[in-house]
């Protein structure tokens, strides 16, 4: 969550910060659980796969 406290971040930026290279693993093990728990949110919730999608802490 520390990487989300500063600003809105792209999925690839968060992966780089955490040292994770496999996108599927990142989504299933980190991103989706945080979204489900309401700890982070999408900037474009209607388009979850948008190239402009970013995430921020709630």
C-alpha atoms as a PDB file:
ATOM      1  CA  UNK A   1       0.000   0.000   0.000  1.00  0.00           C
ATOM      2  CA  UNK A   2       2.940   2.340   0.473  1.00  0.00           C
ATOM      3  CA  UNK A   3       3.319   2.815  -3.281  1.00  0.00           C
ATOM      4  CA  UNK A   4      -0.312   3.961  -3.465  1.00  0.00           C
ATOM      5  CA  UNK A   5      -0.124   6.548  -0.709  1.00  0.00           C
ATOM      6  CA  UNK A   6       1.663   9.151  -2.810  1.00  0.00           C
ATOM      7  CA  UNK A   7      -0.349   9.331  -6.038  1.00  0.00           C
ATOM      8  CA  UNK A   8      -2.369   7.420  -8.590  1.00  0.00           C
ATOM      9  CA  UNK A   9      -0.342   4.567 -10.066  1.00  0.00           C
ATOM     10  CA  UNK A  10      -0.519   2.348 -13.103  1.00  0.00           C
ATOM     11  CA  UNK A  11      -0.514  -1.408 -12.720  1.00  0.00           C
ATOM     12  CA  UNK A  12       2.971  -1.645 -14.253  1.00  0.00           C
ATOM     13  CA  UNK A  13       4.340   0.969 -11.828  1.00  0.00           C
ATOM     14  CA  UNK A  14       3.039  -1.007  -8.855  1.00  0.00           C
ATOM     15  CA  UNK A  15       4.480  -4.241 -10.265  1.00  0.00           C
ATOM     16  CA  UNK A  16       7.882  -2.606 -10.678  1.00  0.00           C
ATOM     17  CA  UNK A  17       7.757  -1.188  -7.134  1.00  0.00           C
ATOM     18  CA  UNK A  18       6.963  -4.643  -5.710  1.00  0.00           C
ATOM     19  CA  UNK A  19       9.451  -6.443  -7.976  1.00  0.00           C
ATOM     20  CA  UNK A  20       6.792  -8.604  -9.649  1.00  0.00           C
ATOM     21  CA  UNK A  21       7.168  -9.386 -13.352  1.00  0.00           C
ATOM     22  CA  UNK A  22       4.211 -11.676 -14.078  1.00  0.00           C
ATOM     23  CA  UNK A  23       1.039  -9.623 -14.586  1.00  0.00           C
ATOM     24  CA  UNK A  24      -1.389 -12.507 -14.004  1.00  0.00           C
ATOM     25  CA  UNK A  25       0.190 -13.323 -10.646  1.00  0.00           C
ATOM     26  CA  UNK A  26       0.151  -9.656  -9.662  1.00  0.00           C
ATOM     27  CA  UNK A  27      -3.532  -9.309 -10.530  1.00  0.00           C
ATOM     28  CA  UNK A  28      -4.660 -12.509  -8.767  1.00  0.00           C
ATOM     29  CA  UNK A  29      -2.420 -12.278  -5.683  1.00  0.00           C
ATOM     30  CA  UNK A  30      -2.290  -8.521  -5.058  1.00  0.00           C
ATOM     31  CA  UNK A  31      -4.488  -6.258  -7.163  1.00  0.00           C
ATOM     32  CA  UNK A  32      -7.809  -8.137  -7.119  1.00  0.00           C
ATOM     33  CA  UNK A  33      -7.758  -8.817  -3.342  1.00  0.00           C
ATOM     34  CA  UNK A  34      -7.053  -5.123  -2.635  1.00  0.00           C
ATOM     35  CA  UNK A  35      -9.872  -4.077  -4.979  1.00  0.00           C
ATOM     36  CA  UNK A  36     -12.271  -6.599  -3.391  1.00  0.00           C
ATOM     37  CA  UNK A  37     -11.418  -5.392   0.120  1.00  0.00           C
ATOM     38  CA  UNK A  38     -11.993  -1.781  -0.923  1.00  0.00           C
ATOM     39  CA  UNK A  39      -8.449  -0.722  -0.035  1.00  0.00           C
ATOM     40  CA  UNK A  40      -7.769   0.588  -3.535  1.00  0.00           C
ATOM     41  CA  UNK A  41     -10.013   1.868  -6.311  1.00  0.00           C
ATOM     42  CA  UNK A  42      -9.787   2.383 -10.062  1.00  0.00           C
ATOM     43  CA  UNK A  43      -9.760   5.802 -11.672  1.00  0.00           C
ATOM     44  CA  UNK A  44     -11.873   4.432 -14.560  1.00  0.00           C
ATOM     45  CA  UNK A  45     -14.093   1.752 -12.973  1.00  0.00           C
ATOM     46  CA  UNK A  46     -16.228   1.352 -16.126  1.00  0.00           C
ATOM     47  CA  UNK A  47     -13.155   0.274 -18.125  1.00  0.00           C
ATOM     48  CA  UNK A  48     -10.996  -1.967 -15.915  1.00  0.00           C
ATOM     49  CA  UNK A  49      -8.650  -2.920 -18.796  1.00  0.00           C
ATOM     50  CA  UNK A  50      -8.139   0.637 -20.105  1.00  0.00           C
ATOM     51  CA  UNK A  51      -4.549   1.573 -20.952  1.00  0.00           C
ATOM     52  CA  UNK A  52      -5.171   4.755 -18.960  1.00  0.00           C
ATOM     53  CA  UNK A  53      -6.352   2.893 -15.853  1.00  0.00           C
ATOM     54  CA  UNK A  54      -4.738   3.905 -12.591  1.00  0.00           C
ATOM     55  CA  UNK A  55      -5.307   2.888  -8.986  1.00  0.00           C
ATOM     56  CA  UNK A  56      -5.361   4.857  -5.756  1.00  0.00           C
ATOM     57  CA  UNK A  57      -5.769   4.080  -2.082  1.00  0.00           C
ATOM     58  CA  UNK A  58      -9.169   4.685  -0.544  1.00  0.00           C
END
